[in-house]
mmCIF file of all heavy atoms, coordinates in Angstrom:
data_MODEL
# 
_entry.id   MODEL 
# 
loop_
_atom_site.group_PDB 
_atom_site.id 
_atom_site.type_symbol 
_atom_site.label_atom_id 
_atom_site.label_alt_id 
_atom_site.label_comp_id 
_atom_site.label_asym_id 
_atom_site.label_entity_id 
_atom_site.label_seq_id 
_atom_site.pdbx_PDB_ins_code 
_atom_site.Cartn_x 
_atom_site.Cartn_y 
_atom_site.Cartn_z 
_atom_site.occupancy 
_atom_site.B_iso_or_equiv 
_atom_site.pdbx_formal_charge 
_atom_site.auth_seq_id 
_atom_site.auth_comp_id 
_atom_site.auth_asym_id 
_atom_site.auth_atom_id 
_atom_site.pdbx_PDB_model_num 
ATOM 1   N N   . ILE A 1 1  ? 0.836   -1.201  0.003   1.00 0.00 ? 1  ILE A N   1 
ATOM 2   C CA  . ILE A 1 1  ? 0.000   0.000   -0.003  1.00 0.00 ? 1  ILE A CA  1 
ATOM 3   C C   . ILE A 1 1  ? 0.870   1.256   0.002   1.00 0.00 ? 1  ILE A C   1 
ATOM 4   O O   . ILE A 1 1  ? 0.699   2.174   -0.823  1.00 0.00 ? 1  ILE A O   1 
ATOM 5   C CB  . ILE A 1 1  ? -0.947  -0.012  1.217   1.00 0.00 ? 1  ILE A CB  1 
ATOM 6   C CG1 . ILE A 1 1  ? -1.973  -1.145  1.099   1.00 0.00 ? 1  ILE A CG1 1 
ATOM 7   C CG2 . ILE A 1 1  ? -1.654  1.337   1.361   1.00 0.00 ? 1  ILE A CG2 1 
ATOM 8   C CD1 . ILE A 1 1  ? -2.792  -1.369  2.352   1.00 0.00 ? 1  ILE A CD1 1 
ATOM 9   N N   . THR A 1 2  ? 1.820   1.309   0.925   1.00 0.00 ? 2  THR A N   1 
ATOM 10  C CA  . THR A 1 2  ? 2.650   2.508   1.078   1.00 0.00 ? 2  THR A CA  1 
ATOM 11  C C   . THR A 1 2  ? 3.541   2.735   -0.142  1.00 0.00 ? 2  THR A C   1 
ATOM 12  O O   . THR A 1 2  ? 3.643   3.859   -0.662  1.00 0.00 ? 2  THR A O   1 
ATOM 13  C CB  . THR A 1 2  ? 3.512   2.393   2.339   1.00 0.00 ? 2  THR A CB  1 
ATOM 14  O OG1 . THR A 1 2  ? 2.650   2.319   3.479   1.00 0.00 ? 2  THR A OG1 1 
ATOM 15  C CG2 . THR A 1 2  ? 4.439   3.588   2.489   1.00 0.00 ? 2  THR A CG2 1 
ATOM 16  N N   . ARG A 1 3  ? 4.184   1.684   -0.618  1.00 0.00 ? 3  ARG A N   1 
ATOM 17  C CA  . ARG A 1 3  ? 5.107   1.858   -1.740  1.00 0.00 ? 3  ARG A CA  1 
ATOM 18  C C   . ARG A 1 3  ? 4.377   2.132   -3.054  1.00 0.00 ? 3  ARG A C   1 
ATOM 19  O O   . ARG A 1 3  ? 4.904   2.832   -3.929  1.00 0.00 ? 3  ARG A O   1 
ATOM 20  C CB  . ARG A 1 3  ? 5.997   0.617   -1.858  1.00 0.00 ? 3  ARG A CB  1 
ATOM 21  C CG  . ARG A 1 3  ? 6.964   0.520   -0.682  1.00 0.00 ? 3  ARG A CG  1 
ATOM 22  C CD  . ARG A 1 3  ? 7.867   -0.692  -0.757  1.00 0.00 ? 3  ARG A CD  1 
ATOM 23  N NE  . ARG A 1 3  ? 8.785   -0.707  0.394   1.00 0.00 ? 3  ARG A NE  1 
ATOM 24  C CZ  . ARG A 1 3  ? 9.684   -1.638  0.627   1.00 0.00 ? 3  ARG A CZ  1 
ATOM 25  N NH1 . ARG A 1 3  ? 9.809   -2.662  -0.216  1.00 0.00 ? 3  ARG A NH1 1 
ATOM 26  N NH2 . ARG A 1 3  ? 10.470  -1.569  1.704   1.00 0.00 ? 3  ARG A NH2 1 
ATOM 27  N N   . ALA A 1 4  ? 3.157   1.585   -3.198  1.00 0.00 ? 4  ALA A N   1 
ATOM 28  C CA  . ALA A 1 4  ? 2.368   1.911   -4.393  1.00 0.00 ? 4  ALA A CA  1 
ATOM 29  C C   . ALA A 1 4  ? 2.002   3.383   -4.393  1.00 0.00 ? 4  ALA A C   1 
ATOM 30  O O   . ALA A 1 4  ? 2.054   4.051   -5.441  1.00 0.00 ? 4  ALA A O   1 
ATOM 31  C CB  . ALA A 1 4  ? 1.108   1.038   -4.437  1.00 0.00 ? 4  ALA A CB  1 
ATOM 32  N N   . ALA A 1 5  ? 1.609   3.899   -3.231  1.00 0.00 ? 5  ALA A N   1 
ATOM 33  C CA  . ALA A 1 5  ? 1.262   5.324   -3.126  1.00 0.00 ? 5  ALA A CA  1 
ATOM 34  C C   . ALA A 1 5  ? 2.492   6.200   -3.417  1.00 0.00 ? 5  ALA A C   1 
ATOM 35  O O   . ALA A 1 5  ? 2.399   7.223   -4.105  1.00 0.00 ? 5  ALA A O   1 
ATOM 36  C CB  . ALA A 1 5  ? 0.712   5.621   -1.740  1.00 0.00 ? 5  ALA A CB  1 
ATOM 37  N N   . GLU A 1 6  ? 3.631   5.806   -2.882  1.00 0.00 ? 6  GLU A N   1 
ATOM 38  C CA  . GLU A 1 6  ? 4.858   6.579   -3.116  1.00 0.00 ? 6  GLU A CA  1 
ATOM 39  C C   . GLU A 1 6  ? 5.280   6.515   -4.579  1.00 0.00 ? 6  GLU A C   1 
ATOM 40  O O   . GLU A 1 6  ? 5.662   7.530   -5.174  1.00 0.00 ? 6  GLU A O   1 
ATOM 41  C CB  . GLU A 1 6  ? 5.982   6.027   -2.233  1.00 0.00 ? 6  GLU A CB  1 
ATOM 42  C CG  . GLU A 1 6  ? 5.777   6.285   -0.740  1.00 0.00 ? 6  GLU A CG  1 
ATOM 43  C CD  . GLU A 1 6  ? 6.804   5.576   0.113   1.00 0.00 ? 6  GLU A CD  1 
ATOM 44  O OE1 . GLU A 1 6  ? 7.532   4.703   -0.434  1.00 0.00 ? 6  GLU A OE1 1 
ATOM 45  O OE2 . GLU A 1 6  ? 6.865   5.865   1.324   1.00 0.00 ? 6  GLU A OE2 1 
ATOM 46  N N   . LYS A 1 7  ? 5.248   5.328   -5.174  1.00 0.00 ? 7  LYS A N   1 
ATOM 47  C CA  . LYS A 1 7  ? 5.674   5.143   -6.555  1.00 0.00 ? 7  LYS A CA  1 
ATOM 48  C C   . LYS A 1 7  ? 4.816   5.959   -7.526  1.00 0.00 ? 7  LYS A C   1 
ATOM 49  O O   . LYS A 1 7  ? 5.332   6.593   -8.458  1.00 0.00 ? 7  LYS A O   1 
ATOM 50  C CB  . LYS A 1 7  ? 5.587   3.656   -6.914  1.00 0.00 ? 7  LYS A CB  1 
ATOM 51  C CG  . LYS A 1 7  ? 5.739   3.312   -8.379  1.00 0.00 ? 7  LYS A CG  1 
ATOM 52  C CD  . LYS A 1 7  ? 7.169   3.378   -8.827  1.00 0.00 ? 7  LYS A CD  1 
ATOM 53  C CE  . LYS A 1 7  ? 7.297   2.914   -10.282 1.00 0.00 ? 7  LYS A CE  1 
ATOM 54  N NZ  . LYS A 1 7  ? 8.692   3.004   -10.769 1.00 0.00 ? 7  LYS A NZ  1 
ATOM 55  N N   . HIS A 1 8  ? 3.509   5.935   -7.325  1.00 0.00 ? 8  HIS A N   1 
ATOM 56  C CA  . HIS A 1 8  ? 2.598   6.574   -8.273  1.00 0.00 ? 8  HIS A CA  1 
ATOM 57  C C   . HIS A 1 8  ? 2.165   7.977   -7.840  1.00 0.00 ? 8  HIS A C   1 
ATOM 58  O O   . HIS A 1 8  ? 1.379   8.617   -8.533  1.00 0.00 ? 8  HIS A O   1 
ATOM 59  C CB  . HIS A 1 8  ? 1.370   5.684   -8.483  1.00 0.00 ? 8  HIS A CB  1 
ATOM 60  C CG  . HIS A 1 8  ? 1.723   4.350   -9.107  1.00 0.00 ? 8  HIS A CG  1 
ATOM 61  N ND1 . HIS A 1 8  ? 1.738   4.165   -10.465 1.00 0.00 ? 8  HIS A ND1 1 
ATOM 62  C CD2 . HIS A 1 8  ? 2.094   3.173   -8.552  1.00 0.00 ? 8  HIS A CD2 1 
ATOM 63  C CE1 . HIS A 1 8  ? 2.088   2.898   -10.727 1.00 0.00 ? 8  HIS A CE1 1 
ATOM 64  N NE2 . HIS A 1 8  ? 2.310   2.287   -9.586  1.00 0.00 ? 8  HIS A NE2 1 
ATOM 65  N N   . LYS A 1 9  ? 2.693   8.385   -6.678  1.00 0.00 ? 9  LYS A N   1 
ATOM 66  C CA  . LYS A 1 9  ? 2.419   9.739   -6.173  1.00 0.00 ? 9  LYS A CA  1 
ATOM 67  C C   . LYS A 1 9  ? 0.917   10.028  -6.039  1.00 0.00 ? 9  LYS A C   1 
ATOM 68  O O   . LYS A 1 9  ? 0.463   11.152  -6.210  1.00 0.00 ? 9  LYS A O   1 
ATOM 69  C CB  . LYS A 1 9  ? 3.103   10.794  -7.046  1.00 0.00 ? 9  LYS A CB  1 
ATOM 70  C CG  . LYS A 1 9  ? 4.624   10.688  -7.029  1.00 0.00 ? 9  LYS A CG  1 
ATOM 71  C CD  . LYS A 1 9  ? 5.259   11.745  -7.916  1.00 0.00 ? 9  LYS A CD  1 
ATOM 72  C CE  . LYS A 1 9  ? 6.781   11.757  -7.759  1.00 0.00 ? 9  LYS A CE  1 
ATOM 73  N NZ  . LYS A 1 9  ? 7.416   10.439  -7.918  1.00 0.00 ? 9  LYS A NZ  1 
ATOM 74  N N   . ARG A 1 10 ? 0.190   8.979   -5.755  1.00 0.00 ? 10 ARG A N   1 
ATOM 75  C CA  . ARG A 1 10 ? -1.256  9.080   -5.495  1.00 0.00 ? 10 ARG A CA  1 
ATOM 76  C C   . ARG A 1 10 ? -1.607  8.060   -4.431  1.00 0.00 ? 10 ARG A C   1 
ATOM 77  O O   . ARG A 1 10 ? -0.993  6.983   -4.349  1.00 0.00 ? 10 ARG A O   1 
ATOM 78  C CB  . ARG A 1 10 ? -2.078  8.755   -6.749  1.00 0.00 ? 10 ARG A CB  1 
ATOM 79  C CG  . ARG A 1 10 ? -1.889  9.728   -7.901  1.00 0.00 ? 10 ARG A CG  1 
ATOM 80  C CD  . ARG A 1 10 ? -2.772  10.936  -7.775  1.00 0.00 ? 10 ARG A CD  1 
ATOM 81  N NE  . ARG A 1 10 ? -2.656  11.806  -8.927  1.00 0.00 ? 10 ARG A NE  1 
ATOM 82  C CZ  . ARG A 1 10 ? -3.285  12.960  -9.050  1.00 0.00 ? 10 ARG A CZ  1 
ATOM 83  N NH1 . ARG A 1 10 ? -4.091  13.367  -8.085  1.00 0.00 ? 10 ARG A NH1 1 
ATOM 84  N NH2 . ARG A 1 10 ? -3.131  13.707  -10.122 1.00 0.00 ? 10 ARG A NH2 1 
ATOM 85  N N   . GLN A 1 11 ? -2.611  8.367   -3.624  1.00 0.00 ? 11 GLN A N   1 
ATOM 86  C CA  . GLN A 1 11 ? -3.067  7.382   -2.652  1.00 0.00 ? 11 GLN A CA  1 
ATOM 87  C C   . GLN A 1 11 ? -3.567  6.124   -3.374  1.00 0.00 ? 11 GLN A C   1 
ATOM 88  O O   . GLN A 1 11 ? -4.093  6.196   -4.482  1.00 0.00 ? 11 GLN A O   1 
ATOM 89  C CB  . GLN A 1 11 ? -4.193  7.958   -1.799  1.00 0.00 ? 11 GLN A CB  1 
ATOM 90  C CG  . GLN A 1 11 ? -3.757  9.018   -0.792  1.00 0.00 ? 11 GLN A CG  1 
ATOM 91  C CD  . GLN A 1 11 ? -4.944  9.596   -0.058  1.00 0.00 ? 11 GLN A CD  1 
ATOM 92  O OE1 . GLN A 1 11 ? -5.895  10.082  -0.670  1.00 0.00 ? 11 GLN A OE1 1 
ATOM 93  N NE2 . GLN A 1 11 ? -4.893  9.524   1.273   1.00 0.00 ? 11 GLN A NE2 1 
ATOM 94  N N   . ALA A 1 12 ? -3.416  4.985   -2.727  1.00 0.00 ? 12 ALA A N   1 
ATOM 95  C CA  . ALA A 1 12 ? -3.807  3.710   -3.319  1.00 0.00 ? 12 ALA A CA  1 
ATOM 96  C C   . ALA A 1 12 ? -5.285  3.415   -3.107  1.00 0.00 ? 12 ALA A C   1 
ATOM 97  O O   . ALA A 1 12 ? -5.934  3.966   -2.194  1.00 0.00 ? 12 ALA A O   1 
ATOM 98  C CB  . ALA A 1 12 ? -2.961  2.586   -2.749  1.00 0.00 ? 12 ALA A CB  1 
ATOM 99  N N   . VAL A 1 13 ? -5.807  2.524   -3.931  1.00 0.00 ? 13 VAL A N   1 
ATOM 100 C CA  . VAL A 1 13 ? -7.169  2.022   -3.821  1.00 0.00 ? 13 VAL A CA  1 
ATOM 101 C C   . VAL A 1 13 ? -7.081  0.517   -3.590  1.00 0.00 ? 13 VAL A C   1 
ATOM 102 O O   . VAL A 1 13 ? -6.333  -0.179  -4.286  1.00 0.00 ? 13 VAL A O   1 
ATOM 103 C CB  . VAL A 1 13 ? -7.971  2.317   -5.094  1.00 0.00 ? 13 VAL A CB  1 
ATOM 104 C CG1 . VAL A 1 13 ? -9.319  1.587   -5.081  1.00 0.00 ? 13 VAL A CG1 1 
ATOM 105 C CG2 . VAL A 1 13 ? -8.175  3.821   -5.265  1.00 0.00 ? 13 VAL A CG2 1 
ATOM 106 N N   . VAL A 1 14 ? -7.818  -0.001  -2.607  1.00 0.00 ? 14 VAL A N   1 
ATOM 107 C CA  . VAL A 1 14 ? -7.824  -1.434  -2.320  1.00 0.00 ? 14 VAL A CA  1 
ATOM 108 C C   . VAL A 1 14 ? -9.222  -1.981  -2.562  1.00 0.00 ? 14 VAL A C   1 
ATOM 109 O O   . VAL A 1 14 ? -10.210 -1.486  -1.990  1.00 0.00 ? 14 VAL A O   1 
ATOM 110 C CB  . VAL A 1 14 ? -7.387  -1.722  -0.863  1.00 0.00 ? 14 VAL A CB  1 
ATOM 111 C CG1 . VAL A 1 14 ? -7.554  -3.210  -0.549  1.00 0.00 ? 14 VAL A CG1 1 
ATOM 112 C CG2 . VAL A 1 14 ? -5.942  -1.295  -0.648  1.00 0.00 ? 14 VAL A CG2 1 
ATOM 113 N N   . LEU A 1 15 ? -9.317  -2.994  -3.410  1.00 0.00 ? 15 LEU A N   1 
ATOM 114 C CA  . LEU A 1 15 ? -10.590 -3.636  -3.750  1.00 0.00 ? 15 LEU A CA  1 
ATOM 115 C C   . LEU A 1 15 ? -10.490 -5.127  -3.434  1.00 0.00 ? 15 LEU A C   1 
ATOM 116 O O   . LEU A 1 15 ? -9.592  -5.808  -3.942  1.00 0.00 ? 15 LEU A O   1 
ATOM 117 C CB  . LEU A 1 15 ? -10.916 -3.440  -5.240  1.00 0.00 ? 15 LEU A CB  1 
ATOM 118 C CG  . LEU A 1 15 ? -10.920 -1.984  -5.744  1.00 0.00 ? 15 LEU A CG  1 
ATOM 119 C CD1 . LEU A 1 15 ? -11.146 -1.947  -7.249  1.00 0.00 ? 15 LEU A CD1 1 
ATOM 120 C CD2 . LEU A 1 15 ? -11.977 -1.160  -5.010  1.00 0.00 ? 15 LEU A CD2 1 
ATOM 121 N N   . VAL A 1 16 ? -11.387 -5.611  -2.594  1.00 0.00 ? 16 VAL A N   1 
ATOM 122 C CA  . VAL A 1 16 ? -11.348 -7.008  -2.157  1.00 0.00 ? 16 VAL A CA  1 
ATOM 123 C C   . VAL A 1 16 ? -12.642 -7.708  -2.573  1.00 0.00 ? 16 VAL A C   1 
ATOM 124 O O   . VAL A 1 16 ? -13.734 -7.297  -2.172  1.00 0.00 ? 16 VAL A O   1 
ATOM 125 C CB  . VAL A 1 16 ? -11.167 -7.117  -0.626  1.00 0.00 ? 16 VAL A CB  1 
ATOM 126 C CG1 . VAL A 1 16 ? -11.053 -8.589  -0.213  1.00 0.00 ? 16 VAL A CG1 1 
ATOM 127 C CG2 . VAL A 1 16 ? -9.940  -6.328  -0.160  1.00 0.00 ? 16 VAL A CG2 1 
ATOM 128 N N   . ASP A 1 17 ? -12.509 -8.766  -3.362  1.00 0.00 ? 17 ASP A N   1 
ATOM 129 C CA  . ASP A 1 17 ? -13.660 -9.533  -3.844  1.00 0.00 ? 17 ASP A CA  1 
ATOM 130 C C   . ASP A 1 17 ? -13.731 -10.881 -3.132  1.00 0.00 ? 17 ASP A C   1 
ATOM 131 O O   . ASP A 1 17 ? -12.703 -11.552 -2.952  1.00 0.00 ? 17 ASP A O   1 
ATOM 132 C CB  . ASP A 1 17 ? -13.532 -9.747  -5.356  1.00 0.00 ? 17 ASP A CB  1 
ATOM 133 C CG  . ASP A 1 17 ? -14.839 -10.201 -5.988  1.00 0.00 ? 17 ASP A CG  1 
ATOM 134 O OD1 . ASP A 1 17 ? -15.893 -10.079 -5.336  1.00 0.00 ? 17 ASP A OD1 1 
ATOM 135 O OD2 . ASP A 1 17 ? -14.798 -10.670 -7.141  1.00 0.00 ? 17 ASP A OD2 1 
ATOM 136 N N   . GLU A 1 18 ? -14.957 -11.272 -2.742  1.00 0.00 ? 18 GLU A N   1 
ATOM 137 C CA  . GLU A 1 18 ? -15.171 -12.533 -2.021  1.00 0.00 ? 18 GLU A CA  1 
ATOM 138 C C   . GLU A 1 18 ? -14.257 -12.624 -0.803  1.00 0.00 ? 18 GLU A C   1 
ATOM 139 O O   . GLU A 1 18 ? -13.566 -13.630 -0.592  1.00 0.00 ? 18 GLU A O   1 
ATOM 140 C CB  . GLU A 1 18 ? -14.942 -13.733 -2.959  1.00 0.00 ? 18 GLU A CB  1 
ATOM 141 C CG  . GLU A 1 18 ? -15.811 -13.728 -4.204  1.00 0.00 ? 18 GLU A CG  1 
ATOM 142 C CD  . GLU A 1 18 ? -17.283 -14.001 -3.922  1.00 0.00 ? 18 GLU A CD  1 
ATOM 143 O OE1 . GLU A 1 18 ? -17.625 -14.268 -2.758  1.00 0.00 ? 18 GLU A OE1 1 
ATOM 144 O OE2 . GLU A 1 18 ? -18.091 -13.947 -4.866  1.00 0.00 ? 18 GLU A OE2 1 
ATOM 145 N N   . TYR A 1 19 ? -14.291 -11.569 -0.004  1.00 0.00 ? 19 TYR A N   1 
ATOM 146 C CA  . TYR A 1 19 ? -13.414 -11.459 1.165   1.00 0.00 ? 19 TYR A CA  1 
ATOM 147 C C   . TYR A 1 19 ? -13.589 -12.625 2.148   1.00 0.00 ? 19 TYR A C   1 
ATOM 148 O O   . TYR A 1 19 ? -12.687 -12.954 2.917   1.00 0.00 ? 19 TYR A O   1 
ATOM 149 C CB  . TYR A 1 19 ? -13.707 -10.150 1.909   1.00 0.00 ? 19 TYR A CB  1 
ATOM 150 C CG  . TYR A 1 19 ? -14.853 -10.247 2.878   1.00 0.00 ? 19 TYR A CG  1 
ATOM 151 C CD1 . TYR A 1 19 ? -14.629 -10.386 4.236   1.00 0.00 ? 19 TYR A CD1 1 
ATOM 152 C CD2 . TYR A 1 19 ? -16.176 -10.250 2.433   1.00 0.00 ? 19 TYR A CD2 1 
ATOM 153 C CE1 . TYR A 1 19 ? -15.686 -10.517 5.140   1.00 0.00 ? 19 TYR A CE1 1 
ATOM 154 C CE2 . TYR A 1 19 ? -17.227 -10.371 3.323   1.00 0.00 ? 19 TYR A CE2 1 
ATOM 155 C CZ  . TYR A 1 19 ? -16.967 -10.502 4.671   1.00 0.00 ? 19 TYR A CZ  1 
ATOM 156 O OH  . TYR A 1 19 ? -18.015 -10.636 5.560   1.00 0.00 ? 19 TYR A OH  1 
ATOM 157 N N   . ASP A 1 20 ? -14.759 -13.285 2.114   1.00 0.00 ? 20 ASP A N   1 
ATOM 158 C CA  . ASP A 1 20 ? -15.118 -14.285 3.111   1.00 0.00 ? 20 ASP A CA  1 
ATOM 159 C C   . ASP A 1 20 ? -15.104 -15.713 2.587   1.00 0.00 ? 20 ASP A C   1 
ATOM 160 O O   . ASP A 1 20 ? -15.326 -16.660 3.337   1.00 0.00 ? 20 ASP A O   1 
ATOM 161 C CB  . ASP A 1 20 ? -16.523 -13.993 3.635   1.00 0.00 ? 20 ASP A CB  1 
ATOM 162 C CG  . ASP A 1 20 ? -17.553 -13.861 2.502   1.00 0.00 ? 20 ASP A CG  1 
ATOM 163 O OD1 . ASP A 1 20 ? -17.139 -13.766 1.329   1.00 0.00 ? 20 ASP A OD1 1 
ATOM 164 O OD2 . ASP A 1 20 ? -18.758 -13.830 2.791   1.00 0.00 ? 20 ASP A OD2 1 
ATOM 165 N N   . LYS A 1 21 ? -14.826 -15.919 1.306   1.00 0.00 ? 21 LYS A N   1 
ATOM 166 C CA  . LYS A 1 21 ? -14.978 -17.251 0.715   1.00 0.00 ? 21 LYS A CA  1 
ATOM 167 C C   . LYS A 1 21 ? -14.111 -18.322 1.392   1.00 0.00 ? 21 LYS A C   1 
ATOM 168 O O   . LYS A 1 21 ? -14.573 -19.457 1.572   1.00 0.00 ? 21 LYS A O   1 
ATOM 169 C CB  . LYS A 1 21 ? -14.677 -17.191 -0.774  1.00 0.00 ? 21 LYS A CB  1 
ATOM 170 C CG  . LYS A 1 21 ? -15.013 -18.488 -1.519  1.00 0.00 ? 21 LYS A CG  1 
ATOM 171 C CD  . LYS A 1 21 ? -14.891 -18.313 -3.021  1.00 0.00 ? 21 LYS A CD  1 
ATOM 172 C CE  . LYS A 1 21 ? -15.266 -19.600 -3.747  1.00 0.00 ? 21 LYS A CE  1 
ATOM 173 N NZ  . LYS A 1 21 ? -14.298 -20.679 -3.524  1.00 0.00 ? 21 LYS A NZ  1 
ATOM 174 N N   . PRO A 1 22 ? -12.861 -18.034 1.771   1.00 0.00 ? 22 PRO A N   1 
ATOM 175 C CA  . PRO A 1 22 ? -12.081 -19.083 2.451   1.00 0.00 ? 22 PRO A CA  1 
ATOM 176 C C   . PRO A 1 22 ? -12.741 -19.585 3.741   1.00 0.00 ? 22 PRO A C   1 
ATOM 177 O O   . PRO A 1 22 ? -12.564 -20.749 4.107   1.00 0.00 ? 22 PRO A O   1 
ATOM 178 C CB  . PRO A 1 22 ? -10.741 -18.391 2.740   1.00 0.00 ? 22 PRO A CB  1 
ATOM 179 C CG  . PRO A 1 22 ? -10.628 -17.337 1.691   1.00 0.00 ? 22 PRO A CG  1 
ATOM 180 C CD  . PRO A 1 22 ? -12.024 -16.845 1.497   1.00 0.00 ? 22 PRO A CD  1 
ATOM 181 N N   . ILE A 1 23 ? -13.501 -18.717 4.402   1.00 0.00 ? 23 ILE A N   1 
ATOM 182 C CA  . ILE A 1 23 ? -14.212 -19.145 5.614   1.00 0.00 ? 23 ILE A CA  1 
ATOM 183 C C   . ILE A 1 23 ? -15.458 -19.936 5.241   1.00 0.00 ? 23 ILE A C   1 
ATOM 184 O O   . ILE A 1 23 ? -15.700 -21.023 5.761   1.00 0.00 ? 23 ILE A O   1 
ATOM 185 C CB  . ILE A 1 23 ? -14.604 -17.932 6.479   1.00 0.00 ? 23 ILE A CB  1 
ATOM 186 C CG1 . ILE A 1 23 ? -13.384 -17.065 6.803   1.00 0.00 ? 23 ILE A CG1 1 
ATOM 187 C CG2 . ILE A 1 23 ? -15.285 -18.392 7.766   1.00 0.00 ? 23 ILE A CG2 1 
ATOM 188 C CD1 . ILE A 1 23 ? -13.716 -15.777 7.519   1.00 0.00 ? 23 ILE A CD1 1 
ATOM 189 N N   . LEU A 1 24 ? -16.258 -19.394 4.328   1.00 0.00 ? 24 LEU A N   1 
ATOM 190 C CA  . LEU A 1 24 ? -17.519 -20.041 3.942   1.00 0.00 ? 24 LEU A CA  1 
ATOM 191 C C   . LEU A 1 24 ? -17.283 -21.437 3.378   1.00 0.00 ? 24 LEU A C   1 
ATOM 192 O O   . LEU A 1 24 ? -18.092 -22.345 3.607   1.00 0.00 ? 24 LEU A O   1 
ATOM 193 C CB  . LEU A 1 24 ? -18.256 -19.178 2.913   1.00 0.00 ? 24 LEU A CB  1 
ATOM 194 C CG  . LEU A 1 24 ? -18.718 -17.797 3.376   1.00 0.00 ? 24 LEU A CG  1 
ATOM 195 C CD1 . LEU A 1 24 ? -19.445 -17.089 2.258   1.00 0.00 ? 24 LEU A CD1 1 
ATOM 196 C CD2 . LEU A 1 24 ? -19.589 -17.883 4.612   1.00 0.00 ? 24 LEU A CD2 1 
# 
């Protein structure tokens, strides 16, 4: 997260799909 923001000089975006599937 931090290095992506530094590299691209913009805050990062995090998108998580099926966050719970390993539990279900």
